[in-house]
N, C-alpha and C. Protein backbone atom coordinates (compact mmCIF):
# COMPACT_ATOMS: atom_id res chain seq x y z
N UNK A 1 10.37 -6.51 18.89
CA UNK A 1 11.25 -5.88 17.69
C UNK A 1 10.22 -4.88 17.00
N UNK A 2 10.96 -3.81 16.85
CA UNK A 2 10.10 -2.54 16.41
C UNK A 2 10.19 -2.64 14.93
N UNK A 3 9.30 -1.67 14.27
CA UNK A 3 9.14 -1.75 12.90
C UNK A 3 10.62 -1.52 12.20
N UNK A 4 11.34 -0.35 12.56
CA UNK A 4 12.41 -0.18 12.16
C UNK A 4 13.42 -1.23 12.15
N UNK A 5 13.31 -2.32 12.93
CA UNK A 5 14.20 -3.55 13.11
C UNK A 5 13.91 -4.60 12.32
N UNK A 6 12.74 -4.41 11.40
CA UNK A 6 12.22 -5.53 10.67
C UNK A 6 13.25 -5.35 9.40
N UNK A 7 13.49 -6.96 9.15
CA UNK A 7 14.79 -6.91 7.83
C UNK A 7 13.95 -7.29 6.79
N UNK A 8 14.41 -6.20 5.52
CA UNK A 8 13.70 -6.15 4.50
C UNK A 8 15.03 -6.55 3.26
N UNK A 9 14.40 -7.26 2.13
CA UNK A 9 15.39 -7.47 1.13
C UNK A 9 15.74 -5.89 0.59
N UNK A 10 16.59 -5.71 0.18
CA UNK A 10 17.17 -4.49 -0.56
C UNK A 10 17.45 -4.85 -1.98
N UNK A 11 16.75 -4.14 -2.91
CA UNK A 11 16.73 -4.49 -4.20
C UNK A 11 17.32 -3.52 -5.23
N UNK A 12 17.82 -4.15 -6.64
CA UNK A 12 18.26 -3.12 -7.66
C UNK A 12 17.01 -2.75 -8.32
N UNK A 13 17.44 -1.64 -9.51
CA UNK A 13 16.38 -0.88 -10.22
C UNK A 13 15.56 -2.04 -11.27
N UNK A 14 15.96 -3.07 -11.22
CA UNK A 14 15.37 -4.28 -11.95
C UNK A 14 14.39 -5.17 -11.14
N UNK A 15 14.80 -5.02 -9.89
CA UNK A 15 13.84 -5.67 -8.78
C UNK A 15 14.71 -7.00 -8.30
N UNK A 16 15.97 -7.03 -8.40
CA UNK A 16 16.62 -8.16 -7.97
C UNK A 16 17.40 -8.01 -6.69
N UNK A 17 17.38 -9.15 -5.85
CA UNK A 17 17.84 -8.70 -4.36
C UNK A 17 19.02 -8.72 -4.75
N UNK A 18 19.59 -7.96 -3.69
CA UNK A 18 21.03 -7.64 -3.87
C UNK A 18 21.78 -7.46 -2.41
N UNK A 19 20.74 -7.71 -1.28
CA UNK A 19 21.14 -7.71 -0.06
C UNK A 19 19.80 -7.65 0.95
N UNK A 20 20.16 -7.48 2.14
CA UNK A 20 19.31 -7.14 3.41
C UNK A 20 19.45 -6.24 4.13
N UNK A 21 18.62 -5.37 4.91
CA UNK A 21 19.18 -4.60 6.04
C UNK A 21 17.68 -4.28 6.66
N UNK A 22 17.90 -4.03 8.23
CA UNK A 22 16.71 -3.42 8.84
C UNK A 22 16.10 -2.23 8.07
N UNK A 23 14.62 -2.35 8.27
CA UNK A 23 14.07 -1.23 7.74
C UNK A 23 14.28 0.58 8.07
N UNK A 24 14.57 0.69 9.25
CA UNK A 24 15.41 1.62 9.53
C UNK A 24 16.55 2.30 8.70
N UNK A 25 17.38 1.28 8.46
CA UNK A 25 18.76 1.86 7.81
C UNK A 25 17.95 1.81 6.40
N UNK A 26 17.05 0.90 5.92
CA UNK A 26 16.82 0.93 4.58
C UNK A 26 16.24 2.49 4.16
N UNK A 27 15.05 2.76 5.26
CA UNK A 27 14.67 4.27 5.17
C UNK A 27 15.84 5.23 5.04
N UNK A 28 16.69 5.27 6.07
CA UNK A 28 17.85 6.18 6.29
C UNK A 28 18.81 6.27 5.06
N UNK A 29 18.82 5.38 4.62
CA UNK A 29 20.00 5.26 3.32
C UNK A 29 19.35 5.19 2.03
N UNK A 30 17.72 5.33 2.18
CA UNK A 30 17.31 5.65 0.38
C UNK A 30 17.62 4.20 -0.18
N UNK A 31 17.71 3.15 0.42
CA UNK A 31 17.84 1.67 -0.50
C UNK A 31 16.50 1.24 -0.99
N UNK A 32 16.86 0.90 -2.41
CA UNK A 32 15.28 0.40 -2.93
C UNK A 32 14.94 -1.11 -2.08
N UNK A 33 13.61 -1.14 -2.19
CA UNK A 33 13.08 -2.41 -1.53
C UNK A 33 11.75 -2.38 -2.04
N UNK A 34 10.97 -3.38 -1.53
CA UNK A 34 9.68 -3.88 -2.34
C UNK A 34 8.24 -3.52 -1.28
N UNK A 35 7.30 -3.16 -1.83
CA UNK A 35 6.19 -2.82 -1.26
C UNK A 35 4.89 -3.32 -2.11
N UNK A 36 4.08 -3.84 -1.59
CA UNK A 36 2.42 -4.17 -2.04
C UNK A 36 1.39 -2.88 -2.03
N UNK A 37 0.48 -2.52 -2.61
CA UNK A 37 -0.25 -1.89 -2.46
C UNK A 37 -1.66 -2.66 -2.94
N UNK A 38 -2.72 -2.91 -2.41
CA UNK A 38 -3.77 -3.46 -2.29
C UNK A 38 -5.21 -2.17 -2.36
N UNK A 39 -5.79 -2.33 -3.47
CA UNK A 39 -7.17 -1.60 -3.55
C UNK A 39 -8.42 -2.34 -3.34
N UNK A 40 -8.93 -2.20 -2.06
CA UNK A 40 -9.69 -3.30 -1.27
C UNK A 40 -11.18 -2.59 -1.83
N UNK A 41 -11.89 -3.16 -2.25
CA UNK A 41 -13.67 -2.70 -2.65
C UNK A 41 -14.68 -3.71 -1.82
N UNK A 42 -15.36 -3.22 -1.27
CA UNK A 42 -16.48 -3.72 -0.86
C UNK A 42 -17.63 -4.49 -1.67
N UNK A 43 -18.79 -5.01 -1.31
CA UNK A 43 -19.47 -5.52 -2.13
C UNK A 43 -20.10 -4.77 -3.38
N UNK A 44 -20.51 -3.51 -2.61
CA UNK A 44 -20.76 -2.41 -3.42
C UNK A 44 -19.95 -1.69 -4.34
N UNK A 45 -18.57 -1.84 -4.52
CA UNK A 45 -17.62 -1.61 -5.45
C UNK A 45 -17.04 -0.24 -4.70
N UNK A 46 -17.49 0.16 -3.40
CA UNK A 46 -16.79 1.34 -2.92
C UNK A 46 -15.20 0.93 -2.41
N UNK A 47 -14.46 1.86 -2.48
CA UNK A 47 -13.07 1.77 -2.09
C UNK A 47 -12.63 1.87 -0.75
N UNK A 48 -12.06 1.07 -0.29
CA UNK A 48 -11.41 1.45 1.25
C UNK A 48 -10.51 2.57 1.32
N UNK A 49 -10.62 3.76 2.01
CA UNK A 49 -9.98 4.72 2.13
C UNK A 49 -9.48 4.84 3.53
N UNK A 50 -8.53 5.13 3.94
CA UNK A 50 -7.87 5.79 5.12
C UNK A 50 -6.80 6.42 5.63
N UNK A 51 -6.95 6.94 6.86
CA UNK A 51 -5.86 7.99 7.20
C UNK A 51 -4.99 7.21 8.20
N UNK A 52 -3.77 7.10 7.79
CA UNK A 52 -2.59 6.28 8.47
C UNK A 52 -2.49 7.17 10.00
N UNK A 53 -1.79 6.26 10.91
CA UNK A 53 -1.72 6.98 12.42
C UNK A 53 -0.35 7.57 12.34
N UNK A 54 -0.47 8.58 13.56
CA UNK A 54 0.54 9.62 13.20
C UNK A 54 1.83 8.92 13.82
N UNK A 55 1.87 7.58 14.15
CA UNK A 55 3.22 6.89 14.48
C UNK A 55 4.11 6.17 13.23
N UNK A 56 3.17 6.12 11.82
CA UNK A 56 3.87 5.42 10.86
C UNK A 56 5.10 6.08 10.68
N UNK A 57 6.17 5.30 10.21
CA UNK A 57 7.41 5.65 9.76
C UNK A 57 7.57 6.51 8.80
N UNK A 58 6.65 6.19 7.50
CA UNK A 58 6.85 6.99 6.55
C UNK A 58 5.37 7.42 6.43
N UNK A 59 5.13 8.74 5.86
CA UNK A 59 4.03 9.54 5.49
C UNK A 59 2.97 9.33 6.76
N UNK A 60 3.33 9.55 8.17
CA UNK A 60 2.36 9.49 9.19
C UNK A 60 1.00 10.47 8.96
N UNK A 61 -0.01 10.17 9.15
CA UNK A 61 -1.27 10.74 9.45
C UNK A 61 -1.83 11.53 8.14
N UNK A 62 -1.10 10.79 6.98
CA UNK A 62 -1.68 11.14 5.33
C UNK A 62 -2.74 10.15 5.22
N UNK A 63 -3.52 10.20 4.18
CA UNK A 63 -4.48 9.69 3.58
C UNK A 63 -4.25 8.71 2.47
N UNK A 64 -4.72 7.54 2.31
CA UNK A 64 -4.53 6.32 1.34
C UNK A 64 -5.58 5.61 0.97
N UNK A 65 -5.45 5.40 -0.50
CA UNK A 65 -6.88 4.58 -0.80
C UNK A 65 -6.13 3.23 -1.27
N UNK A 66 -5.25 2.55 -0.57
CA UNK A 66 -4.64 1.30 -0.40
C UNK A 66 -4.54 0.93 0.67
N UNK A 67 -4.33 -0.17 0.88
CA UNK A 67 -3.79 -0.82 2.10
C UNK A 67 -2.53 -1.59 1.50
N UNK A 68 -1.33 -2.22 2.23
CA UNK A 68 -0.26 -2.71 1.96
C UNK A 68 0.69 -2.15 2.93
N UNK A 69 1.99 -2.58 2.25
CA UNK A 69 3.33 -2.02 3.13
C UNK A 69 4.37 -2.96 2.49
N UNK A 70 5.19 -2.98 3.17
CA UNK A 70 6.74 -3.55 2.71
C UNK A 70 6.69 -4.72 2.92
N UNK A 71 7.48 -5.56 1.91
CA UNK A 71 7.73 -7.07 2.12
C UNK A 71 8.70 -7.23 3.05
N UNK A 72 8.79 -8.15 3.81
CA UNK A 72 9.90 -9.16 4.75
C UNK A 72 10.49 -9.48 3.87
N UNK A 73 12.23 -9.47 4.44
CA UNK A 73 13.00 -10.30 3.73
C UNK A 73 12.49 -11.67 3.31
N UNK A 74 12.68 -12.55 2.17
CA UNK A 74 12.32 -13.43 1.56
C UNK A 74 10.88 -13.62 1.22
N UNK A 75 10.24 -12.53 1.52
CA UNK A 75 8.69 -12.79 1.22
C UNK A 75 8.30 -12.45 -0.27
N UNK A 76 7.44 -12.82 -0.69
CA UNK A 76 6.97 -12.68 -2.13
C UNK A 76 5.71 -11.84 -2.27
N UNK A 77 5.79 -11.35 -3.44
CA UNK A 77 4.59 -9.95 -3.36
C UNK A 77 3.04 -10.53 -3.22
N UNK A 78 2.85 -11.71 -3.63
CA UNK A 78 1.44 -12.25 -3.78
C UNK A 78 1.32 -12.36 -1.74
N UNK A 79 2.06 -13.29 -0.89
CA UNK A 79 1.86 -13.46 0.20
C UNK A 79 1.98 -12.12 1.03
N UNK A 80 3.07 -11.29 0.53
CA UNK A 80 2.45 -9.84 1.25
C UNK A 80 1.21 -8.98 0.90
N UNK A 81 0.72 -9.31 -0.30
CA UNK A 81 -0.30 -8.52 -0.41
C UNK A 81 -1.63 -8.99 0.62
N UNK A 82 -1.67 -10.69 0.65
CA UNK A 82 -2.80 -11.16 1.46
C UNK A 82 -2.40 -10.50 2.87
N UNK A 83 -1.02 -10.76 3.42
CA UNK A 83 -1.14 -10.67 4.46
C UNK A 83 -1.26 -9.06 4.97
N UNK A 84 -0.74 -8.29 4.35
CA UNK A 84 -0.96 -6.74 4.56
C UNK A 84 -2.40 -6.36 4.37
N UNK A 85 -3.12 -6.92 3.30
CA UNK A 85 -4.68 -6.54 3.41
C UNK A 85 -5.24 -7.06 4.53
N UNK A 86 -4.74 -8.39 5.09
CA UNK A 86 -5.81 -9.13 6.19
C UNK A 86 -5.31 -8.19 7.39
N UNK A 87 -4.24 -7.60 7.88
CA UNK A 87 -3.73 -7.21 8.97
C UNK A 87 -4.45 -5.66 8.94
N UNK A 88 -4.29 -4.99 7.51
CA UNK A 88 -4.77 -3.71 7.65
C UNK A 88 -6.28 -3.43 7.74
N UNK A 89 -7.10 -4.57 7.11
CA UNK A 89 -8.66 -4.36 7.32
C UNK A 89 -8.94 -4.94 8.21
N UNK A 90 -8.18 -6.13 9.17
CA UNK A 90 -8.58 -6.80 10.37
C UNK A 90 -9.43 -7.75 10.11
N UNK A 91 -9.11 -8.49 8.90
CA UNK A 91 -10.20 -9.53 8.61
C UNK A 91 -9.10 -10.63 8.39
N UNK A 92 -9.87 -11.85 8.37
CA UNK A 92 -9.15 -13.01 7.97
C UNK A 92 -10.30 -14.01 7.12
N UNK A 93 -9.72 -14.56 5.82
CA UNK A 93 -10.52 -15.13 5.28
C UNK A 93 -10.66 -14.37 3.76
N UNK A 94 -9.69 -13.29 3.76
CA UNK A 94 -9.82 -12.83 2.12
C UNK A 94 -9.45 -13.49 1.15
N UNK A 95 -9.83 -13.49 0.02
CA UNK A 95 -9.36 -14.09 -1.25
C UNK A 95 -8.24 -13.39 -1.57
N UNK A 96 -7.23 -14.56 -2.39
CA UNK A 96 -6.19 -13.65 -2.52
C UNK A 96 -6.06 -12.50 -3.57
N UNK A 97 -5.51 -11.37 -3.39
CA UNK A 97 -5.52 -10.43 -3.89
C UNK A 97 -5.13 -10.46 -5.56
N UNK A 98 -5.65 -9.89 -6.41
CA UNK A 98 -5.38 -10.05 -7.77
C UNK A 98 -4.32 -9.17 -8.28
N UNK A 99 -3.04 -9.62 -8.81
CA UNK A 99 -1.84 -8.83 -8.97
C UNK A 99 -2.26 -8.19 -10.38
N UNK A 100 -2.14 -6.71 -10.47
CA UNK A 100 -2.43 -6.14 -11.56
C UNK A 100 -1.16 -5.53 -12.41
N UNK A 101 -0.21 -4.73 -11.67
CA UNK A 101 1.18 -4.25 -12.30
C UNK A 101 2.07 -3.75 -11.36
N UNK A 102 3.18 -3.63 -11.61
CA UNK A 102 4.39 -3.36 -10.96
C UNK A 102 5.16 -2.28 -11.22
N UNK A 103 5.55 -1.43 -10.65
CA UNK A 103 6.38 0.09 -11.09
C UNK A 103 7.28 0.25 -10.13
N UNK A 104 8.28 1.12 -10.44
CA UNK A 104 9.40 1.50 -9.69
C UNK A 104 9.18 3.01 -9.04
N UNK A 105 8.48 3.14 -7.94
CA UNK A 105 8.05 4.39 -7.22
C UNK A 105 9.11 5.02 -7.04
N UNK A 106 9.70 6.39 -7.43
CA UNK A 106 10.79 7.18 -6.84
C UNK A 106 10.12 8.30 -6.37
N UNK A 107 10.34 9.05 -5.11
CA UNK A 107 9.85 10.01 -4.43
C UNK A 107 10.68 10.67 -3.26
N UNK A 108 9.86 11.66 -2.60
CA UNK A 108 11.02 12.41 -1.89
C UNK A 108 11.41 11.42 -0.72
N UNK A 109 11.07 10.58 -0.55
CA UNK A 109 11.72 9.62 0.72
C UNK A 109 12.38 8.61 0.27
N UNK A 110 12.51 8.19 -1.06
CA UNK A 110 13.15 6.91 -1.47
C UNK A 110 12.40 6.39 -2.44
N UNK A 111 12.75 5.38 -2.88
CA UNK A 111 12.59 4.24 -4.14
C UNK A 111 12.18 3.00 -3.66
N UNK A 112 11.12 2.59 -4.21
CA UNK A 112 10.70 1.10 -3.96
C UNK A 112 9.84 0.27 -4.80
N UNK A 113 9.93 -0.94 -5.25
CA UNK A 113 9.01 -1.52 -5.94
C UNK A 113 7.80 -1.89 -5.45
N UNK A 114 6.73 -1.28 -6.42
CA UNK A 114 5.44 -1.35 -5.94
C UNK A 114 4.58 -1.78 -6.83
N UNK A 115 4.06 -3.11 -6.12
CA UNK A 115 3.00 -4.19 -7.16
C UNK A 115 1.61 -3.77 -6.42
N UNK A 116 0.93 -3.38 -7.32
CA UNK A 116 -0.49 -3.30 -7.24
C UNK A 116 -1.53 -4.11 -7.43
N UNK A 117 -2.19 -4.37 -6.55
CA UNK A 117 -3.23 -5.60 -6.28
C UNK A 117 -4.58 -5.14 -5.92
N UNK A 118 -5.83 -5.88 -6.35
CA UNK A 118 -6.81 -5.43 -5.93
C UNK A 118 -7.67 -6.86 -5.19
N UNK A 119 -8.65 -6.45 -4.46
CA UNK A 119 -8.96 -7.39 -3.74
C UNK A 119 -10.80 -7.01 -3.40
N UNK A 120 -11.55 -8.01 -3.39
CA UNK A 120 -12.97 -7.38 -2.89
C UNK A 120 -12.91 -8.22 -1.60
N UNK A 121 -13.50 -7.08 -0.63
CA UNK A 121 -13.55 -7.57 1.00
C UNK A 121 -14.80 -7.43 1.17
N UNK A 122 -16.00 -8.58 1.47
CA UNK A 122 -17.32 -8.64 1.78
C UNK A 122 -17.17 -8.79 3.18
N UNK A 123 -16.23 -8.68 3.81
CA UNK A 123 -16.66 -9.01 5.11
C UNK A 123 -16.35 -7.83 5.94
N UNK A 124 -16.87 -7.79 7.10
CA UNK A 124 -16.95 -6.60 7.97
C UNK A 124 -15.32 -6.31 8.66
N UNK A 125 -15.27 -5.32 8.24
CA UNK A 125 -13.49 -4.72 8.87
C UNK A 125 -13.51 -4.15 10.11
N UNK A 126 -12.31 -4.27 10.53
CA UNK A 126 -12.01 -4.02 11.83
C UNK A 126 -10.51 -3.42 11.72
N UNK A 127 -9.97 -2.49 11.14
CA UNK A 127 -8.67 -1.83 10.81
C UNK A 127 -7.91 -1.99 12.06
N UNK A 128 -6.45 -2.35 11.89
CA UNK A 128 -5.62 -2.67 12.91
C UNK A 128 -5.33 -0.90 13.30
N UNK A 129 -5.66 -0.94 14.74
CA UNK A 129 -5.60 0.41 15.48
C UNK A 129 -3.80 0.91 15.24
N UNK A 130 -3.08 0.31 15.06
CA UNK A 130 -1.68 0.46 14.85
C UNK A 130 -1.53 0.92 13.93
N UNK A 131 -2.26 0.73 12.64
CA UNK A 131 -2.14 1.26 11.25
C UNK A 131 -2.98 2.46 10.66
N UNK A 132 -3.93 2.11 11.18
CA UNK A 132 -5.42 2.96 10.45
C UNK A 132 -5.84 3.85 11.52
N UNK A 133 -5.80 5.42 11.61
CA UNK A 133 -6.51 5.87 12.31
C UNK A 133 -7.95 6.36 12.04
N UNK A 134 -8.32 6.59 10.81
CA UNK A 134 -9.69 6.69 10.41
C UNK A 134 -9.85 5.85 9.10
N UNK A 135 -11.28 5.54 8.58
CA UNK A 135 -11.56 4.72 7.56
C UNK A 135 -12.96 5.00 7.07
N UNK A 136 -13.06 4.81 5.89
CA UNK A 136 -14.56 4.87 5.45
C UNK A 136 -14.23 4.16 3.84
N UNK A 137 -15.55 3.66 3.34
CA UNK A 137 -15.74 3.05 2.00
C UNK A 137 -16.20 4.51 1.07
N UNK A 138 -15.31 4.77 0.09
CA UNK A 138 -16.01 5.93 -0.76
C UNK A 138 -16.14 5.31 -2.11
N UNK A 139 -17.29 5.87 -3.07
CA UNK A 139 -17.38 5.25 -4.32
C UNK A 139 -16.22 6.14 -5.09
N UNK A 140 -15.98 5.52 -6.03
CA UNK A 140 -14.94 6.00 -7.42
C UNK A 140 -14.98 7.71 -7.29
N UNK A 141 -16.43 7.75 -7.42
CA UNK A 141 -16.58 9.38 -7.82
C UNK A 141 -16.11 10.41 -6.45
N UNK A 142 -16.72 9.85 -5.27
CA UNK A 142 -16.23 10.47 -4.01
C UNK A 142 -14.46 10.15 -3.81
N UNK A 143 -14.03 9.23 -4.17
CA UNK A 143 -12.38 9.41 -3.96
C UNK A 143 -11.53 10.18 -5.06
N UNK A 144 -12.50 10.29 -6.34
CA UNK A 144 -11.67 11.20 -7.41
C UNK A 144 -11.91 12.43 -6.73
N UNK A 145 -12.97 13.13 -6.40
CA UNK A 145 -13.48 13.98 -5.73
C UNK A 145 -12.38 14.69 -4.87
N UNK A 146 -12.14 13.70 -3.87
CA UNK A 146 -11.13 13.91 -2.73
C UNK A 146 -9.83 14.21 -3.09
N UNK A 147 -9.05 13.31 -4.06
CA UNK A 147 -8.25 13.43 -4.62
C UNK A 147 -7.89 14.79 -5.44
N UNK A 148 -9.03 15.22 -6.09
CA UNK A 148 -8.90 16.43 -7.10
C UNK A 148 -9.15 17.82 -6.29
N UNK A 149 -9.70 17.47 -5.01
CA UNK A 149 -10.02 18.78 -4.29
C UNK A 149 -8.68 19.37 -3.38
N UNK A 150 -7.99 18.53 -3.14
CA UNK A 150 -6.80 18.89 -2.31
C UNK A 150 -6.65 19.04 -1.13
N UNK A 151 -7.60 18.88 -0.43
CA UNK A 151 -7.84 19.30 1.24
C UNK A 151 -7.38 18.22 2.01
N UNK A 152 -7.05 16.92 1.34
CA UNK A 152 -6.27 15.78 2.00
C UNK A 152 -4.88 15.38 1.77
N UNK A 153 -4.03 15.42 2.78
CA UNK A 153 -2.71 15.08 2.41
C UNK A 153 -2.74 13.76 2.30
N UNK A 154 -2.37 13.25 0.85
CA UNK A 154 -2.45 11.66 0.40
C UNK A 154 -1.04 11.29 0.22
N UNK A 155 -0.86 9.84 0.74
CA UNK A 155 0.68 9.53 0.62
C UNK A 155 1.08 9.39 -0.77
N UNK A 156 2.24 10.07 -0.94
CA UNK A 156 2.41 10.28 -2.59
C UNK A 156 2.39 9.06 -3.37
N UNK A 157 2.90 7.91 -2.41
CA UNK A 157 3.30 6.59 -3.40
C UNK A 157 2.01 5.90 -3.66
N UNK A 158 0.72 6.35 -2.87
CA UNK A 158 -0.54 5.61 -3.04
C UNK A 158 -0.98 6.55 -4.11
N UNK A 159 -0.96 7.65 -4.24
CA UNK A 159 -1.50 8.67 -4.98
C UNK A 159 -0.56 8.44 -6.72
N UNK A 160 0.35 7.99 -6.50
CA UNK A 160 0.96 7.59 -7.66
C UNK A 160 0.49 6.12 -8.21
N UNK A 161 0.28 5.26 -7.42
CA UNK A 161 -0.21 3.89 -7.64
C UNK A 161 -1.67 4.45 -8.19
N UNK A 162 -2.39 5.07 -7.24
CA UNK A 162 -3.87 5.57 -7.94
C UNK A 162 -3.91 6.01 -9.34
N UNK A 163 -2.98 7.05 -9.87
CA UNK A 163 -3.16 7.52 -11.05
C UNK A 163 -2.81 6.46 -12.17
N UNK A 164 -1.53 5.74 -11.91
CA UNK A 164 -1.36 4.61 -12.50
C UNK A 164 -2.31 3.69 -12.54
N UNK A 165 -3.15 3.15 -11.73
CA UNK A 165 -4.04 2.24 -11.96
C UNK A 165 -5.27 2.72 -12.71
N UNK A 166 -5.73 4.06 -12.54
CA UNK A 166 -6.83 4.89 -13.44
C UNK A 166 -6.20 4.63 -14.71
N UNK A 167 -5.14 4.83 -15.31
CA UNK A 167 -4.62 4.87 -16.74
C UNK A 167 -4.85 3.25 -16.87
N UNK A 168 -4.12 2.42 -16.09
CA UNK A 168 -4.19 0.85 -16.27
C UNK A 168 -5.58 0.38 -16.82
N UNK A 169 -6.81 0.92 -16.02
CA UNK A 169 -8.25 0.32 -16.19
C UNK A 169 -8.61 0.97 -17.40
N UNK A 170 -8.10 2.64 -17.64
CA UNK A 170 -8.63 3.12 -19.05
C UNK A 170 -8.15 2.13 -20.02
N UNK A 171 -6.89 1.68 -20.20
CA UNK A 171 -6.47 1.01 -21.31
C UNK A 171 -7.05 -0.25 -21.52
N UNK A 172 -7.24 -0.92 -20.49
CA UNK A 172 -8.09 -2.27 -20.68
C UNK A 172 -9.43 -2.25 -21.28
N UNK A 173 -10.46 -0.90 -21.08
CA UNK A 173 -11.50 -0.71 -21.72
C UNK A 173 -11.54 -0.70 -22.98
């Protein structure tokens, strides 16, 4: 089964399930669906940053400061966060990612409910080659400089989640 054939829950603007459709159809018709974002930090507090492979259906070859992805039909956010983090980092035995907040992302290629999580990954990573073309652990300052520099093409939904996460953390201080 290809990624385009994976069945997703279709949801409304209040994140209520209204039906199911294959991922390819969801993307083609701009249907609202669900996604998780997980910011992974290593033992030193650095953030996992990666460039997506050129074969990705959405935002190919763009950089991201989150691992994550879409929820399959019937999957809950917590399960998807752990599954996606483990898959993309190439590890098993991660702690359950901590849920932080949820928002409706509305961008150039569609809209999806986005649940932001964070996790500490002290295991050696072996990112999934089909998902991750390049990766590094960057300090908060290095990441902020890369975002501000404008020389990397960032996934727009991840960039929005990053901005909201920074605001969320500032409010909690």
